[in-house]
PDB file of N, CA and C in Angstrom:
ATOM      1  N   UNK A   1     376.615  57.619  61.626  1.00  0.00           N
ATOM      2  CA  UNK A   1     377.046  58.523  62.686  1.00  0.00           C
ATOM      3  C   UNK A   1     377.961  57.745  63.626  1.00  0.00           C
ATOM      4  N   UNK A   2     379.124  58.288  63.903  1.00  0.00           N
ATOM      5  CA  UNK A   2     380.030  57.643  64.850  1.00  0.00           C
ATOM      6  C   UNK A   2     379.905  58.326  66.222  1.00  0.00           C
ATOM      7  N   UNK A   3     380.690  57.853  67.194  1.00  0.00           N
ATOM      8  CA  UNK A   3     380.561  58.384  68.550  1.00  0.00           C
ATOM      9  C   UNK A   3     380.880  59.876  68.617  1.00  0.00           C
ATOM     10  N   UNK A   4     381.893  60.316  67.892  1.00  0.00           N
ATOM     11  CA  UNK A   4     382.258  61.738  67.895  1.00  0.00           C
ATOM     12  C   UNK A   4     381.130  62.615  67.380  1.00  0.00           C
ATOM     13  N   UNK A   5     380.483  62.167  66.312  1.00  0.00           N
ATOM     14  CA  UNK A   5     379.360  62.926  65.767  1.00  0.00           C
ATOM     15  C   UNK A   5     378.177  62.922  66.735  1.00  0.00           C
ATOM     16  N   UNK A   6     377.974  61.797  67.410  1.00  0.00           N
ATOM     17  CA  UNK A   6     376.899  61.712  68.401  1.00  0.00           C
ATOM     18  C   UNK A   6     377.175  62.658  69.570  1.00  0.00           C
ATOM     19  N   UNK A   7     378.413  62.707  70.022  1.00  0.00           N
ATOM     20  CA  UNK A   7     378.799  63.629  71.108  1.00  0.00           C
ATOM     21  C   UNK A   7     378.516  65.066  70.685  1.00  0.00           C
ATOM     22  N   UNK A   8     378.870  65.418  69.448  1.00  0.00           N
ATOM     23  CA  UNK A   8     378.605  66.774  68.948  1.00  0.00           C
ATOM     24  C   UNK A   8     377.114  67.088  68.981  1.00  0.00           C
ATOM     25  N   UNK A   9     376.295  66.144  68.533  1.00  0.00           N
ATOM     26  CA  UNK A   9     374.844  66.338  68.481  1.00  0.00           C
ATOM     27  C   UNK A   9     374.261  66.477  69.891  1.00  0.00           C
ATOM     28  N   UNK A  10     374.707  65.623  70.821  1.00  0.00           N
ATOM     29  CA  UNK A  10     374.219  65.673  72.207  1.00  0.00           C
ATOM     30  C   UNK A  10     374.623  67.002  72.844  1.00  0.00           C
ATOM     31  N   UNK A  11     375.856  67.433  72.625  1.00  0.00           N
ATOM     32  CA  UNK A  11     376.326  68.700  73.198  1.00  0.00           C
ATOM     33  C   UNK A  11     375.486  69.863  72.689  1.00  0.00           C
ATOM     34  N   UNK A  12     375.168  69.831  71.414  1.00  0.00           N
ATOM     35  CA  UNK A  12     374.354  70.895  70.816  1.00  0.00           C
ATOM     36  C   UNK A  12     372.926  70.894  71.370  1.00  0.00           C
ATOM     37  N   UNK A  13     372.307  69.703  71.420  1.00  0.00           N
ATOM     38  CA  UNK A  13     370.905  69.624  71.886  1.00  0.00           C
ATOM     39  C   UNK A  13     370.763  69.899  73.375  1.00  0.00           C
ATOM     40  N   UNK A  14     371.741  69.461  74.176  1.00  0.00           N
ATOM     41  CA  UNK A  14     371.661  69.634  75.630  1.00  0.00           C
ATOM     42  C   UNK A  14     372.288  70.944  76.092  1.00  0.00           C
ATOM     43  N   UNK A  15     372.882  71.687  75.149  1.00  0.00           N
ATOM     44  CA  UNK A  15     373.523  72.949  75.468  1.00  0.00           C
ATOM     45  C   UNK A  15     374.603  72.786  76.545  1.00  0.00           C
ATOM     46  N   UNK A  16     375.473  71.781  76.337  1.00  0.00           N
ATOM     47  CA  UNK A  16     376.611  71.539  77.225  1.00  0.00           C
ATOM     48  C   UNK A  16     377.863  71.457  76.360  1.00  0.00           C
ATOM     49  N   UNK A  17     379.024  71.402  77.014  1.00  0.00           N
ATOM     50  CA  UNK A  17     380.270  71.298  76.253  1.00  0.00           C
ATOM     51  C   UNK A  17     380.413  69.889  75.685  1.00  0.00           C
ATOM     52  N   UNK A  18     381.255  69.768  74.675  1.00  0.00           N
ATOM     53  CA  UNK A  18     381.506  68.455  74.078  1.00  0.00           C
ATOM     54  C   UNK A  18     382.143  67.508  75.096  1.00  0.00           C
ATOM     55  N   UNK A  19     382.992  68.052  75.956  1.00  0.00           N
ATOM     56  CA  UNK A  19     383.654  67.250  76.982  1.00  0.00           C
ATOM     57  C   UNK A  19     382.618  66.682  77.956  1.00  0.00           C
ATOM     58  N   UNK A  20     381.655  67.501  78.364  1.00  0.00           N
ATOM     59  CA  UNK A  20     380.603  67.039  79.273  1.00  0.00           C
ATOM     60  C   UNK A  20     379.718  65.998  78.579  1.00  0.00           C
ATOM     61  N   UNK A  21     379.366  66.256  77.328  1.00  0.00           N
ATOM     62  CA  UNK A  21     378.520  65.320  76.580  1.00  0.00           C
ATOM     63  C   UNK A  21     379.223  63.980  76.405  1.00  0.00           C
ATOM     64  N   UNK A  22     380.540  64.018  76.117  1.00  0.00           N
ATOM     65  CA  UNK A  22     381.314  62.785  75.957  1.00  0.00           C
ATOM     66  C   UNK A  22     381.350  62.000  77.266  1.00  0.00           C
ATOM     67  N   UNK A  23     381.534  62.694  78.384  1.00  0.00           N
ATOM     68  CA  UNK A  23     381.584  62.029  79.687  1.00  0.00           C
ATOM     69  C   UNK A  23     380.247  61.356  80.005  1.00  0.00           C
ATOM     70  N   UNK A  24     379.153  62.042  79.747  1.00  0.00           N
ATOM     71  CA  UNK A  24     377.824  61.491  80.020  1.00  0.00           C
ATOM     72  C   UNK A  24     377.527  60.317  79.092  1.00  0.00           C
ATOM     73  N   UNK A  25     377.832  60.458  77.813  1.00  0.00           N
ATOM     74  CA  UNK A  25     377.582  59.381  76.857  1.00  0.00           C
ATOM     75  C   UNK A  25     378.424  58.147  77.190  1.00  0.00           C
ATOM     76  N   UNK A  26     379.689  58.347  77.506  1.00  0.00           N
ATOM     77  CA  UNK A  26     380.562  57.226  77.869  1.00  0.00           C
ATOM     78  C   UNK A  26     380.075  56.528  79.131  1.00  0.00           C
ATOM     79  N   UNK A  27     379.659  57.305  80.124  1.00  0.00           N
ATOM     80  CA  UNK A  27     379.150  56.725  81.366  1.00  0.00           C
ATOM     81  C   UNK A  27     377.866  55.938  81.114  1.00  0.00           C
ATOM     82  N   UNK A  28     377.014  56.452  80.239  1.00  0.00           N
ATOM     83  CA  UNK A  28     375.767  55.765  79.904  1.00  0.00           C
ATOM     84  C   UNK A  28     376.049  54.432  79.228  1.00  0.00           C
ATOM     85  N   UNK A  29     376.917  54.456  78.237  1.00  0.00           N
ATOM     86  CA  UNK A  29     377.260  53.223  77.515  1.00  0.00           C
ATOM     87  C   UNK A  29     377.903  52.205  78.452  1.00  0.00           C
ATOM     88  N   UNK A  30     378.839  52.649  79.289  1.00  0.00           N
ATOM     89  CA  UNK A  30     379.489  51.746  80.246  1.00  0.00           C
ATOM     90  C   UNK A  30     378.483  51.140  81.208  1.00  0.00           C
ATOM     91  N   UNK A  31     377.536  51.951  81.688  1.00  0.00           N
ATOM     92  CA  UNK A  31     376.525  51.462  82.631  1.00  0.00           C
ATOM     93  C   UNK A  31     375.625  50.419  81.981  1.00  0.00           C
ATOM     94  N   UNK A  32     375.237  50.649  80.738  1.00  0.00           N
ATOM     95  CA  UNK A  32     374.405  49.676  80.020  1.00  0.00           C
ATOM     96  C   UNK A  32     375.170  48.383  79.820  1.00  0.00           C
ATOM     97  N   UNK A  33     376.433  48.473  79.400  1.00  0.00           N
ATOM     98  CA  UNK A  33     377.236  47.267  79.185  1.00  0.00           C
ATOM     99  C   UNK A  33     377.452  46.499  80.484  1.00  0.00           C
ATOM    100  N   UNK A  34     377.704  47.209  81.580  1.00  0.00           N
ATOM    101  CA  UNK A  34     377.883  46.551  82.882  1.00  0.00           C
ATOM    102  C   UNK A  34     376.615  45.807  83.293  1.00  0.00           C
ATOM    103  N   UNK A  35     375.469  46.465  83.176  1.00  0.00           N
ATOM    104  CA  UNK A  35     374.205  45.848  83.593  1.00  0.00           C
ATOM    105  C   UNK A  35     373.887  44.617  82.752  1.00  0.00           C
ATOM    106  N   UNK A  36     374.023  44.717  81.440  1.00  0.00           N
ATOM    107  CA  UNK A  36     373.700  43.589  80.559  1.00  0.00           C
ATOM    108  C   UNK A  36     374.679  42.441  80.773  1.00  0.00           C
ATOM    109  N   UNK A  37     375.957  42.751  80.993  1.00  0.00           N
ATOM    110  CA  UNK A  37     376.947  41.691  81.214  1.00  0.00           C
ATOM    111  C   UNK A  37     376.709  40.957  82.530  1.00  0.00           C
ATOM    112  N   UNK A  38     376.011  41.603  83.471  1.00  0.00           N
ATOM    113  CA  UNK A  38     375.671  40.963  84.742  1.00  0.00           C
ATOM    114  C   UNK A  38     374.327  40.249  84.677  1.00  0.00           C
ATOM    115  N   UNK A  39     373.690  40.243  83.506  1.00  0.00           N
ATOM    116  CA  UNK A  39     372.441  39.509  83.331  1.00  0.00           C
ATOM    117  C   UNK A  39     371.186  40.351  83.476  1.00  0.00           C
ATOM    118  N   UNK A  40     371.330  41.647  83.651  1.00  0.00           N
ATOM    119  CA  UNK A  40     370.164  42.520  83.812  1.00  0.00           C
ATOM    120  C   UNK A  40     369.659  43.029  82.468  1.00  0.00           C
ATOM    121  N   UNK A  41     368.384  43.409  82.439  1.00  0.00           N
ATOM    122  CA  UNK A  41     367.779  44.023  81.265  1.00  0.00           C
ATOM    123  C   UNK A  41     367.720  45.525  81.508  1.00  0.00           C
ATOM    124  N   UNK A  42     368.096  46.323  80.511  1.00  0.00           N
ATOM    125  CA  UNK A  42     368.052  47.786  80.602  1.00  0.00           C
ATOM    126  C   UNK A  42     366.997  48.266  79.619  1.00  0.00           C
ATOM    127  N   UNK A  43     365.964  48.944  80.140  1.00  0.00           N
ATOM    128  CA  UNK A  43     364.882  49.434  79.294  1.00  0.00           C
ATOM    129  C   UNK A  43     364.866  50.954  79.308  1.00  0.00           C
ATOM    130  N   UNK A  44     364.918  51.538  78.123  1.00  0.00           N
ATOM    131  CA  UNK A  44     364.812  52.981  77.958  1.00  0.00           C
ATOM    132  C   UNK A  44     363.507  53.214  77.207  1.00  0.00           C
ATOM    133  N   UNK A  45     362.473  53.636  77.930  1.00  0.00           N
ATOM    134  CA  UNK A  45     361.127  53.760  77.371  1.00  0.00           C
ATOM    135  C   UNK A  45     361.148  54.618  76.108  1.00  0.00           C
ATOM    136  N   UNK A  46     360.546  54.107  75.049  1.00  0.00           N
ATOM    137  CA  UNK A  46     360.487  54.811  73.772  1.00  0.00           C
ATOM    138  C   UNK A  46     361.669  54.505  72.871  1.00  0.00           C
ATOM    139  N   UNK A  47     362.812  54.188  73.457  1.00  0.00           N
ATOM    140  CA  UNK A  47     364.013  53.892  72.672  1.00  0.00           C
ATOM    141  C   UNK A  47     364.165  52.398  72.443  1.00  0.00           C
ATOM    142  N   UNK A  48     364.231  51.618  73.534  1.00  0.00           N
ATOM    143  CA  UNK A  48     364.366  50.181  73.383  1.00  0.00           C
ATOM    144  C   UNK A  48     364.932  49.524  74.627  1.00  0.00           C
ATOM    145  N   UNK A  49     365.217  48.220  74.485  1.00  0.00           N
ATOM    146  CA  UNK A  49     365.720  47.425  75.605  1.00  0.00           C
ATOM    147  C   UNK A  49     366.992  46.687  75.203  1.00  0.00           C
ATOM    148  N   UNK A  50     367.916  46.634  76.141  1.00  0.00           N
ATOM    149  CA  UNK A  50     369.146  45.860  75.981  1.00  0.00           C
ATOM    150  C   UNK A  50     369.051  44.706  76.968  1.00  0.00           C
ATOM    151  N   UNK A  51     369.397  43.483  76.522  1.00  0.00           N
ATOM    152  CA  UNK A  51     369.345  42.343  77.422  1.00  0.00           C
ATOM    153  C   UNK A  51     370.286  41.256  76.943  1.00  0.00           C
ATOM    154  N   UNK A  52     370.715  40.385  77.872  1.00  0.00           N
ATOM    155  CA  UNK A  52     371.517  39.241  77.450  1.00  0.00           C
ATOM    156  C   UNK A  52     370.585  38.118  76.978  1.00  0.00           C
ATOM    157  N   UNK A  53     370.986  37.406  75.946  1.00  0.00           N
ATOM    158  CA  UNK A  53     370.200  36.272  75.460  1.00  0.00           C
ATOM    159  C   UNK A  53     371.111  35.065  75.334  1.00  0.00           C
ATOM    160  N   UNK A  54     370.533  33.898  75.579  1.00  0.00           N
ATOM    161  CA  UNK A  54     371.280  32.647  75.438  1.00  0.00           C
ATOM    162  C   UNK A  54     371.212  32.186  73.994  1.00  0.00           C
ATOM    163  N   UNK A  55     372.355  31.866  73.437  1.00  0.00           N
ATOM    164  CA  UNK A  55     372.420  31.306  72.091  1.00  0.00           C
ATOM    165  C   UNK A  55     372.770  29.829  72.247  1.00  0.00           C
ATOM    166  N   UNK A  56     371.945  28.960  71.692  1.00  0.00           N
ATOM    167  CA  UNK A  56     372.144  27.518  71.822  1.00  0.00           C
ATOM    168  C   UNK A  56     373.348  27.043  71.019  1.00  0.00           C
ATOM    169  N   UNK A  57     373.847  25.884  71.395  1.00  0.00           N
ATOM    170  CA  UNK A  57     374.907  25.251  70.631  1.00  0.00           C
ATOM    171  C   UNK A  57     374.358  24.917  69.249  1.00  0.00           C
ATOM    172  N   UNK A  58     375.192  25.092  68.244  1.00  0.00           N
ATOM    173  CA  UNK A  58     374.722  24.812  66.895  1.00  0.00           C
ATOM    174  C   UNK A  58     375.866  24.309  66.024  1.00  0.00           C
ATOM    175  N   UNK A  59     375.499  23.781  64.881  1.00  0.00           N
ATOM    176  CA  UNK A  59     376.506  23.275  63.960  1.00  0.00           C
ATOM    177  C   UNK A  59     376.872  24.365  62.962  1.00  0.00           C
ATOM    178  N   UNK A  60     378.149  24.492  62.698  1.00  0.00           N
ATOM    179  CA  UNK A  60     378.625  25.451  61.721  1.00  0.00           C
ATOM    180  C   UNK A  60     379.591  24.772  60.776  1.00  0.00           C
ATOM    181  N   UNK A  61     380.145  25.533  59.862  1.00  0.00           N
ATOM    182  CA  UNK A  61     381.102  24.983  58.903  1.00  0.00           C
ATOM    183  C   UNK A  61     382.346  25.862  58.867  1.00  0.00           C
ATOM    184  N   UNK A  62     383.498  25.201  58.775  1.00  0.00           N
ATOM    185  CA  UNK A  62     384.752  25.905  58.594  1.00  0.00           C
ATOM    186  C   UNK A  62     384.751  26.434  57.164  1.00  0.00           C
ATOM    187  N   UNK A  63     384.844  27.760  56.961  1.00  0.00           N
ATOM    188  CA  UNK A  63     384.749  28.304  55.604  1.00  0.00           C
ATOM    189  C   UNK A  63     385.885  27.858  54.675  1.00  0.00           C
ATOM    190  N   UNK A  64     387.047  27.554  55.239  1.00  0.00           N
ATOM    191  CA  UNK A  64     388.172  27.124  54.401  1.00  0.00           C
ATOM    192  C   UNK A  64     388.013  25.686  53.927  1.00  0.00           C
ATOM    193  N   UNK A  65     387.657  24.800  54.865  1.00  0.00           N
ATOM    194  CA  UNK A  65     387.630  23.364  54.539  1.00  0.00           C
ATOM    195  C   UNK A  65     386.229  22.828  54.293  1.00  0.00           C
ATOM    196  N   UNK A  66     385.214  23.541  54.750  1.00  0.00           N
ATOM    197  CA  UNK A  66     383.848  23.049  54.625  1.00  0.00           C
ATOM    198  C   UNK A  66     383.510  21.997  55.672  1.00  0.00           C
ATOM    199  N   UNK A  67     384.457  21.740  56.573  1.00  0.00           N
ATOM    200  CA  UNK A  67     384.284  20.730  57.615  1.00  0.00           C
ATOM    201  C   UNK A  67     383.248  21.190  58.643  1.00  0.00           C
ATOM    202  N   UNK A  68     382.360  20.274  59.040  1.00  0.00           N
ATOM    203  CA  UNK A  68     381.334  20.575  60.056  1.00  0.00           C
ATOM    204  C   UNK A  68     382.008  20.706  61.415  1.00  0.00           C
ATOM    205  N   UNK A  69     381.505  21.630  62.226  1.00  0.00           N
ATOM    206  CA  UNK A  69     382.036  21.816  63.580  1.00  0.00           C
ATOM    207  C   UNK A  69     380.922  22.307  64.494  1.00  0.00           C
ATOM    208  N   UNK A  70     381.074  22.071  65.780  1.00  0.00           N
ATOM    209  CA  UNK A  70     380.092  22.515  66.764  1.00  0.00           C
ATOM    210  C   UNK A  70     380.485  23.889  67.283  1.00  0.00           C
ATOM    211  N   UNK A  71     379.539  24.814  67.253  1.00  0.00           N
ATOM    212  CA  UNK A  71     379.738  26.140  67.825  1.00  0.00           C
ATOM    213  C   UNK A  71     379.099  26.095  69.209  1.00  0.00           C
ATOM    214  N   UNK A  72     379.871  26.347  70.260  1.00  0.00           N
ATOM    215  CA  UNK A  72     379.343  26.204  71.620  1.00  0.00           C
ATOM    216  C   UNK A  72     378.257  27.228  71.966  1.00  0.00           C
ATOM    217  N   UNK A  73     377.434  26.884  72.957  1.00  0.00           N
ATOM    218  CA  UNK A  73     376.405  27.797  73.458  1.00  0.00           C
ATOM    219  C   UNK A  73     377.098  28.991  74.115  1.00  0.00           C
ATOM    220  N   UNK A  74     376.449  30.145  74.049  1.00  0.00           N
ATOM    221  CA  UNK A  74     377.022  31.356  74.624  1.00  0.00           C
ATOM    222  C   UNK A  74     375.921  32.368  74.933  1.00  0.00           C
ATOM    223  N   UNK A  75     376.284  33.409  75.651  1.00  0.00           N
ATOM    224  CA  UNK A  75     375.358  34.528  75.895  1.00  0.00           C
ATOM    225  C   UNK A  75     375.771  35.660  74.979  1.00  0.00           C
ATOM    226  N   UNK A  76     374.789  36.347  74.405  1.00  0.00           N
ATOM    227  CA  UNK A  76     375.057  37.477  73.514  1.00  0.00           C
ATOM    228  C   UNK A  76     374.181  38.658  73.920  1.00  0.00           C
ATOM    229  N   UNK A  77     374.671  39.886  73.699  1.00  0.00           N
ATOM    230  CA  UNK A  77     373.824  41.048  73.965  1.00  0.00           C
ATOM    231  C   UNK A  77     372.799  41.196  72.845  1.00  0.00           C
ATOM    232  N   UNK A  78     371.598  41.663  73.209  1.00  0.00           N
ATOM    233  CA  UNK A  78     370.542  41.870  72.214  1.00  0.00           C
ATOM    234  C   UNK A  78     369.865  43.204  72.467  1.00  0.00           C
ATOM    235  N   UNK A  79     369.397  43.825  71.382  1.00  0.00           N
ATOM    236  CA  UNK A  79     368.684  45.090  71.474  1.00  0.00           C
ATOM    237  C   UNK A  79     367.340  44.933  70.783  1.00  0.00           C
ATOM    238  N   UNK A  80     366.285  45.386  71.439  1.00  0.00           N
ATOM    239  CA  UNK A  80     364.956  45.410  70.843  1.00  0.00           C
ATOM    240  C   UNK A  80     364.492  46.857  70.821  1.00  0.00           C
ATOM    241  N   UNK A  81     364.173  47.362  69.638  1.00  0.00           N
ATOM    242  CA  UNK A  81     363.742  48.756  69.508  1.00  0.00           C
ATOM    243  C   UNK A  81     362.369  48.950  70.131  1.00  0.00           C
ATOM    244  N   UNK A  82     362.166  50.111  70.753  1.00  0.00           N
ATOM    245  CA  UNK A  82     360.886  50.463  71.348  1.00  0.00           C
ATOM    246  C   UNK A  82     359.901  50.960  70.292  1.00  0.00           C
ATOM    247  N   UNK A  83     358.664  51.073  70.687  1.00  0.00           N
ATOM    248  CA  UNK A  83     357.582  51.468  69.763  1.00  0.00           C
ATOM    249  C   UNK A  83     357.863  52.822  69.113  1.00  0.00           C
ATOM    250  N   UNK A  84     358.224  53.813  69.898  1.00  0.00           N
ATOM    251  CA  UNK A  84     358.455  55.161  69.385  1.00  0.00           C
ATOM    252  C   UNK A  84     359.617  55.160  68.374  1.00  0.00           C
ATOM    253  N   UNK A  85     360.680  54.425  68.689  1.00  0.00           N
ATOM    254  CA  UNK A  85     361.840  54.330  67.810  1.00  0.00           C
ATOM    255  C   UNK A  85     361.430  53.673  66.478  1.00  0.00           C
ATOM    256  N   UNK A  86     360.687  52.577  66.562  1.00  0.00           N
ATOM    257  CA  UNK A  86     360.227  51.880  65.356  1.00  0.00           C
ATOM    258  C   UNK A  86     359.369  52.792  64.480  1.00  0.00           C
ATOM    259  N   UNK A  87     358.494  53.564  65.124  1.00  0.00           N
ATOM    260  CA  UNK A  87     357.618  54.464  64.372  1.00  0.00           C
ATOM    261  C   UNK A  87     358.401  55.568  63.672  1.00  0.00           C
ATOM    262  N   UNK A  88     359.433  56.101  64.339  1.00  0.00           N
ATOM    263  CA  UNK A  88     360.253  57.155  63.727  1.00  0.00           C
ATOM    264  C   UNK A  88     361.011  56.632  62.513  1.00  0.00           C
ATOM    265  N   UNK A  89     361.535  55.413  62.612  1.00  0.00           N
ATOM    266  CA  UNK A  89     362.287  54.834  61.502  1.00  0.00           C
ATOM    267  C   UNK A  89     361.363  54.498  60.336  1.00  0.00           C
ATOM    268  N   UNK A  90     360.135  54.099  60.641  1.00  0.00           N
ATOM    269  CA  UNK A  90     359.178  53.698  59.591  1.00  0.00           C
ATOM    270  C   UNK A  90     358.707  54.886  58.759  1.00  0.00           C
ATOM    271  N   UNK A  91     358.796  56.101  59.285  1.00  0.00           N
ATOM    272  CA  UNK A  91     358.309  57.293  58.551  1.00  0.00           C
ATOM    273  C   UNK A  91     359.207  57.640  57.394  1.00  0.00           C
TER     274      UNK A  91
END
C-alpha cells in the first residue's frame, strides 16, 4: 500500500474527502518526523513507538574493493510495533 492508497482508505473509513485525509495524514507524518528528529519518542498506543536510536561506529567493507572502512556513529529512526499491531499481524 502506498500513500495514495492509504489516503483513499482513511478518507473512506473517516468519511472525509481525500483532500482532508491527505492533509491530516501528511501533518501526522510530519509531526512524527519532527518529534523523532528532535530526540523525542512518539508512542501511539496499540500501534507502536517511533524513537531515535544511536548506532555505534562499526567496521564495514567497500563492496567494490573489499577494503575495510570505518562507518561512523549516527542516530537512526526506529519503530517498535505495539502489542495490538503484533497480534493482528500474527493472525
